[in-house]
């Protein structure tokens, strides 16, 4: 399951980080600190999301 979670992380992390950066830019955080913070939050949020999706796929 860990290999599946790592594969899913590579897909989910880029999606969440990209979405978070777009949201940060729309919200007016257009400096480097705001963009990097949004990307880091997206990558961090992808860890439990990828584990959850991998767990659901293994149990299905």
PDB file of N, CA and C in Angstrom:
ATOM      1  N   UNK A   1       0.817  -1.184   0.000  1.00  0.00           N
ATOM      2  CA  UNK A   1       0.000   0.000   0.000  1.00  0.00           C
ATOM      3  C   UNK A   1       0.869   1.259   0.000  1.00  0.00           C
ATOM      4  N   UNK A   2       2.062   1.179   0.563  1.00  0.00           N
ATOM      5  CA  UNK A   2       2.931   2.353   0.615  1.00  0.00           C
ATOM      6  C   UNK A   2       3.371   2.783  -0.783  1.00  0.00           C
ATOM      7  N   UNK A   3       3.653   1.821  -1.650  1.00  0.00           N
ATOM      8  CA  UNK A   3       4.046   2.165  -3.019  1.00  0.00           C
ATOM      9  C   UNK A   3       2.909   2.855  -3.749  1.00  0.00           C
ATOM     10  N   UNK A   4       1.693   2.374  -3.538  1.00  0.00           N
ATOM     11  CA  UNK A   4       0.529   3.004  -4.150  1.00  0.00           C
ATOM     12  C   UNK A   4       0.330   4.409  -3.598  1.00  0.00           C
ATOM     13  N   UNK A   5       0.506   4.574  -2.302  1.00  0.00           N
ATOM     14  CA  UNK A   5       0.351   5.894  -1.685  1.00  0.00           C
ATOM     15  C   UNK A   5       1.404   6.869  -2.211  1.00  0.00           C
ATOM     16  N   UNK A   6       2.623   6.403  -2.420  1.00  0.00           N
ATOM     17  CA  UNK A   6       3.665   7.280  -2.957  1.00  0.00           C
ATOM     18  C   UNK A   6       3.378   7.676  -4.400  1.00  0.00           C
ATOM     19  N   UNK A   7       2.860   6.746  -5.173  1.00  0.00           N
ATOM     20  CA  UNK A   7       2.480   7.069  -6.548  1.00  0.00           C
ATOM     21  C   UNK A   7       1.336   8.071  -6.570  1.00  0.00           C
ATOM     22  N   UNK A   8       0.355   7.849  -5.727  1.00  0.00           N
ATOM     23  CA  UNK A   8      -0.771   8.778  -5.648  1.00  0.00           C
ATOM     24  C   UNK A   8      -0.332  10.136  -5.112  1.00  0.00           C
ATOM     25  N   UNK A   9       0.640  10.144  -4.215  1.00  0.00           N
ATOM     26  CA  UNK A   9       1.144  11.410  -3.670  1.00  0.00           C
ATOM     27  C   UNK A   9       1.716  12.291  -4.772  1.00  0.00           C
ATOM     28  N   UNK A  10       2.412  11.677  -5.711  1.00  0.00           N
ATOM     29  CA  UNK A  10       2.996  12.478  -6.789  1.00  0.00           C
ATOM     30  C   UNK A  10       1.922  13.150  -7.634  1.00  0.00           C
ATOM     31  N   UNK A  11       0.775  12.536  -7.749  1.00  0.00           N
ATOM     32  CA  UNK A  11      -0.325  13.138  -8.510  1.00  0.00           C
ATOM     33  C   UNK A  11      -1.132  14.121  -7.666  1.00  0.00           C
ATOM     34  N   UNK A  12      -1.450  13.721  -6.449  1.00  0.00           N
ATOM     35  CA  UNK A  12      -2.309  14.539  -5.592  1.00  0.00           C
ATOM     36  C   UNK A  12      -1.566  15.781  -5.105  1.00  0.00           C
ATOM     37  N   UNK A  13      -0.289  15.645  -4.803  1.00  0.00           N
ATOM     38  CA  UNK A  13       0.474  16.780  -4.272  1.00  0.00           C
ATOM     39  C   UNK A  13       0.586  17.906  -5.290  1.00  0.00           C
ATOM     40  N   UNK A  14       0.846  17.556  -6.536  1.00  0.00           N
ATOM     41  CA  UNK A  14       0.952  18.611  -7.546  1.00  0.00           C
ATOM     42  C   UNK A  14      -0.391  19.289  -7.780  1.00  0.00           C
ATOM     43  N   UNK A  15      -1.460  18.518  -7.711  1.00  0.00           N
ATOM     44  CA  UNK A  15      -2.787  19.099  -7.896  1.00  0.00           C
ATOM     45  C   UNK A  15      -3.142  20.039  -6.750  1.00  0.00           C
ATOM     46  N   UNK A  16      -2.950  19.585  -5.518  1.00  0.00           N
ATOM     47  CA  UNK A  16      -3.299  20.421  -4.369  1.00  0.00           C
ATOM     48  C   UNK A  16      -2.382  21.639  -4.250  1.00  0.00           C
ATOM     49  N   UNK A  17      -1.104  21.458  -4.521  1.00  0.00           N
ATOM     50  CA  UNK A  17      -0.181  22.593  -4.436  1.00  0.00           C
ATOM     51  C   UNK A  17      -0.490  23.623  -5.518  1.00  0.00           C
ATOM     52  N   UNK A  18      -0.776  23.160  -6.710  1.00  0.00           N
ATOM     53  CA  UNK A  18      -1.132  24.087  -7.781  1.00  0.00           C
ATOM     54  C   UNK A  18      -2.412  24.833  -7.493  1.00  0.00           C
ATOM     55  N   UNK A  19      -3.394  24.123  -6.962  1.00  0.00           N
ATOM     56  CA  UNK A  19      -4.657  24.767  -6.599  1.00  0.00           C
ATOM     57  C   UNK A  19      -4.450  25.782  -5.485  1.00  0.00           C
ATOM     58  N   UNK A  20      -3.637  25.435  -4.512  1.00  0.00           N
ATOM     59  CA  UNK A  20      -3.375  26.354  -3.404  1.00  0.00           C
ATOM     60  C   UNK A  20      -2.642  27.608  -3.879  1.00  0.00           C
ATOM     61  N   UNK A  21      -1.736  27.461  -4.827  1.00  0.00           N
ATOM     62  CA  UNK A  21      -1.025  28.625  -5.360  1.00  0.00           C
ATOM     63  C   UNK A  21      -1.984  29.532  -6.126  1.00  0.00           C
ATOM     64  N   UNK A  22      -2.876  28.942  -6.912  1.00  0.00           N
ATOM     65  CA  UNK A  22      -3.861  29.749  -7.640  1.00  0.00           C
ATOM     66  C   UNK A  22      -4.770  30.488  -6.665  1.00  0.00           C
ATOM     67  N   UNK A  23      -5.204  29.802  -5.611  1.00  0.00           N
ATOM     68  CA  UNK A  23      -6.057  30.443  -4.605  1.00  0.00           C
ATOM     69  C   UNK A  23      -5.303  31.578  -3.916  1.00  0.00           C
ATOM     70  N   UNK A  24      -4.040  31.360  -3.618  1.00  0.00           N
ATOM     71  CA  UNK A  24      -3.243  32.408  -2.971  1.00  0.00           C
ATOM     72  C   UNK A  24      -3.087  33.620  -3.884  1.00  0.00           C
ATOM     73  N   UNK A  25      -2.872  33.385  -5.157  1.00  0.00           N
ATOM     74  CA  UNK A  25      -2.725  34.502  -6.084  1.00  0.00           C
ATOM     75  C   UNK A  25      -4.033  35.264  -6.255  1.00  0.00           C
ATOM     76  N   UNK A  26      -5.141  34.546  -6.314  1.00  0.00           N
ATOM     77  CA  UNK A  26      -6.441  35.205  -6.435  1.00  0.00           C
ATOM     78  C   UNK A  26      -6.756  35.993  -5.170  1.00  0.00           C
ATOM     79  N   UNK A  27      -6.336  35.476  -4.019  1.00  0.00           N
ATOM     80  CA  UNK A  27      -6.596  36.155  -2.749  1.00  0.00           C
ATOM     81  C   UNK A  27      -5.691  37.368  -2.534  1.00  0.00           C
ATOM     82  N   UNK A  28      -4.712  37.557  -3.404  1.00  0.00           N
ATOM     83  CA  UNK A  28      -3.866  38.736  -3.300  1.00  0.00           C
ATOM     84  C   UNK A  28      -2.516  38.500  -2.659  1.00  0.00           C
ATOM     85  N   UNK A  29      -2.190  37.277  -2.345  1.00  0.00           N
ATOM     86  CA  UNK A  29      -0.870  36.969  -1.775  1.00  0.00           C
ATOM     87  C   UNK A  29       0.108  36.753  -2.928  1.00  0.00           C
ATOM     88  N   UNK A  30       0.557  37.838  -3.532  1.00  0.00           N
ATOM     89  CA  UNK A  30       1.375  37.721  -4.728  1.00  0.00           C
ATOM     90  C   UNK A  30       2.871  37.887  -4.465  1.00  0.00           C
ATOM     91  N   UNK A  31       3.273  37.813  -3.206  1.00  0.00           N
ATOM     92  CA  UNK A  31       4.697  37.847  -2.910  1.00  0.00           C
ATOM     93  C   UNK A  31       5.226  36.418  -2.815  1.00  0.00           C
ATOM     94  N   UNK A  32       6.541  36.297  -2.771  1.00  0.00           N
ATOM     95  CA  UNK A  32       7.167  34.975  -2.771  1.00  0.00           C
ATOM     96  C   UNK A  32       6.781  34.164  -1.541  1.00  0.00           C
ATOM     97  N   UNK A  33       6.705  34.814  -0.394  1.00  0.00           N
ATOM     98  CA  UNK A  33       6.383  34.116   0.848  1.00  0.00           C
ATOM     99  C   UNK A  33       4.982  33.498   0.784  1.00  0.00           C
ATOM    100  N   UNK A  34       4.018  34.228   0.285  1.00  0.00           N
ATOM    101  CA  UNK A  34       2.651  33.717   0.195  1.00  0.00           C
ATOM    102  C   UNK A  34       2.525  32.549  -0.767  1.00  0.00           C
ATOM    103  N   UNK A  35       3.230  32.629  -1.888  1.00  0.00           N
ATOM    104  CA  UNK A  35       3.167  31.555  -2.881  1.00  0.00           C
ATOM    105  C   UNK A  35       3.837  30.294  -2.349  1.00  0.00           C
ATOM    106  N   UNK A  36       4.999  30.450  -1.718  1.00  0.00           N
ATOM    107  CA  UNK A  36       5.689  29.277  -1.170  1.00  0.00           C
ATOM    108  C   UNK A  36       4.915  28.648  -0.018  1.00  0.00           C
ATOM    109  N   UNK A  37       4.284  29.474   0.796  1.00  0.00           N
ATOM    110  CA  UNK A  37       3.473  28.950   1.892  1.00  0.00           C
ATOM    111  C   UNK A  37       2.283  28.165   1.357  1.00  0.00           C
ATOM    112  N   UNK A  38       1.637  28.676   0.331  1.00  0.00           N
ATOM    113  CA  UNK A  38       0.501  27.975  -0.263  1.00  0.00           C
ATOM    114  C   UNK A  38       0.937  26.648  -0.875  1.00  0.00           C
ATOM    115  N   UNK A  39       2.072  26.639  -1.557  1.00  0.00           N
ATOM    116  CA  UNK A  39       2.574  25.400  -2.148  1.00  0.00           C
ATOM    117  C   UNK A  39       2.939  24.385  -1.067  1.00  0.00           C
ATOM    118  N   UNK A  40       3.559  24.841   0.010  1.00  0.00           N
ATOM    119  CA  UNK A  40       3.923  23.937   1.106  1.00  0.00           C
ATOM    120  C   UNK A  40       2.685  23.357   1.780  1.00  0.00           C
ATOM    121  N   UNK A  41       1.661  24.186   1.951  1.00  0.00           N
ATOM    122  CA  UNK A  41       0.416  23.674   2.534  1.00  0.00           C
ATOM    123  C   UNK A  41      -0.242  22.651   1.619  1.00  0.00           C
ATOM    124  N   UNK A  42      -0.175  22.870   0.327  1.00  0.00           N
ATOM    125  CA  UNK A  42      -0.720  21.898  -0.619  1.00  0.00           C
ATOM    126  C   UNK A  42       0.018  20.574  -0.570  1.00  0.00           C
ATOM    127  N   UNK A  43       1.343  20.639  -0.502  1.00  0.00           N
ATOM    128  CA  UNK A  43       2.126  19.406  -0.405  1.00  0.00           C
ATOM    129  C   UNK A  43       1.875  18.692   0.919  1.00  0.00           C
ATOM    130  N   UNK A  44       1.720  19.439   1.996  1.00  0.00           N
ATOM    131  CA  UNK A  44       1.461  18.824   3.300  1.00  0.00           C
ATOM    132  C   UNK A  44       0.062  18.214   3.358  1.00  0.00           C
ATOM    133  N   UNK A  45      -0.904  18.856   2.735  1.00  0.00           N
ATOM    134  CA  UNK A  45      -2.269  18.324   2.734  1.00  0.00           C
ATOM    135  C   UNK A  45      -2.383  17.075   1.874  1.00  0.00           C
ATOM    136  N   UNK A  46      -1.446  16.877   0.969  1.00  0.00           N
ATOM    137  CA  UNK A  46      -1.502  15.719   0.089  1.00  0.00           C
ATOM    138  C   UNK A  46      -1.096  14.424   0.784  1.00  0.00           C
ATOM    139  N   UNK A  47      -0.372  14.511   1.881  1.00  0.00           N
ATOM    140  CA  UNK A  47       0.067  13.292   2.576  1.00  0.00           C
ATOM    141  C   UNK A  47      -1.127  12.499   3.113  1.00  0.00           C
ATOM    142  N   UNK A  48      -1.998  13.080   3.939  1.00  0.00           N
ATOM    143  CA  UNK A  48      -3.142  12.289   4.400  1.00  0.00           C
ATOM    144  C   UNK A  48      -4.128  11.970   3.277  1.00  0.00           C
ATOM    145  N   UNK A  49      -4.221  12.850   2.295  1.00  0.00           N
ATOM    146  CA  UNK A  49      -5.141  12.588   1.185  1.00  0.00           C
ATOM    147  C   UNK A  49      -4.690  11.374   0.380  1.00  0.00           C
ATOM    148  N   UNK A  50      -3.406  11.264   0.101  1.00  0.00           N
ATOM    149  CA  UNK A  50      -2.920  10.122  -0.668  1.00  0.00           C
ATOM    150  C   UNK A  50      -3.007   8.832   0.134  1.00  0.00           C
ATOM    151  N   UNK A  51      -2.772   8.903   1.434  1.00  0.00           N
ATOM    152  CA  UNK A  51      -2.930   7.706   2.262  1.00  0.00           C
ATOM    153  C   UNK A  51      -4.388   7.260   2.320  1.00  0.00           C
ATOM    154  N   UNK A  52      -5.301   8.210   2.393  1.00  0.00           N
ATOM    155  CA  UNK A  52      -6.721   7.885   2.416  1.00  0.00           C
ATOM    156  C   UNK A  52      -7.166   7.252   1.105  1.00  0.00           C
ATOM    157  N   UNK A  53      -6.751   7.827  -0.012  1.00  0.00           N
ATOM    158  CA  UNK A  53      -7.137   7.279  -1.315  1.00  0.00           C
ATOM    159  C   UNK A  53      -6.523   5.900  -1.513  1.00  0.00           C
ATOM    160  N   UNK A  54      -5.268   5.709  -1.137  1.00  0.00           N
ATOM    161  CA  UNK A  54      -4.628   4.403  -1.276  1.00  0.00           C
ATOM    162  C   UNK A  54      -5.319   3.363  -0.408  1.00  0.00           C
ATOM    163  N   UNK A  55      -5.696   3.748   0.795  1.00  0.00           N
ATOM    164  CA  UNK A  55      -6.394   2.828   1.688  1.00  0.00           C
ATOM    165  C   UNK A  55      -7.738   2.418   1.097  1.00  0.00           C
ATOM    166  N   UNK A  56      -8.461   3.379   0.549  1.00  0.00           N
ATOM    167  CA  UNK A  56      -9.762   3.074  -0.056  1.00  0.00           C
ATOM    168  C   UNK A  56      -9.608   2.190  -1.290  1.00  0.00           C
ATOM    169  N   UNK A  57      -8.564   2.401  -2.075  1.00  0.00           N
ATOM    170  CA  UNK A  57      -8.358   1.577  -3.264  1.00  0.00           C
ATOM    171  C   UNK A  57      -7.966   0.149  -2.899  1.00  0.00           C
ATOM    172  N   UNK A  58      -7.173  -0.012  -1.859  1.00  0.00           N
ATOM    173  CA  UNK A  58      -6.753  -1.355  -1.454  1.00  0.00           C
ATOM    174  C   UNK A  58      -7.935  -2.137  -0.893  1.00  0.00           C
ATOM    175  N   UNK A  59      -8.796  -1.462  -0.154  1.00  0.00           N
ATOM    176  CA  UNK A  59      -9.941  -2.144   0.454  1.00  0.00           C
ATOM    177  C   UNK A  59     -11.073  -2.411  -0.527  1.00  0.00           C
ATOM    178  N   UNK A  60     -11.069  -1.747  -1.674  1.00  0.00           N
ATOM    179  CA  UNK A  60     -12.163  -1.915  -2.643  1.00  0.00           C
ATOM    180  C   UNK A  60     -12.037  -3.212  -3.406  1.00  0.00           C
TER     181      UNK A  60
END
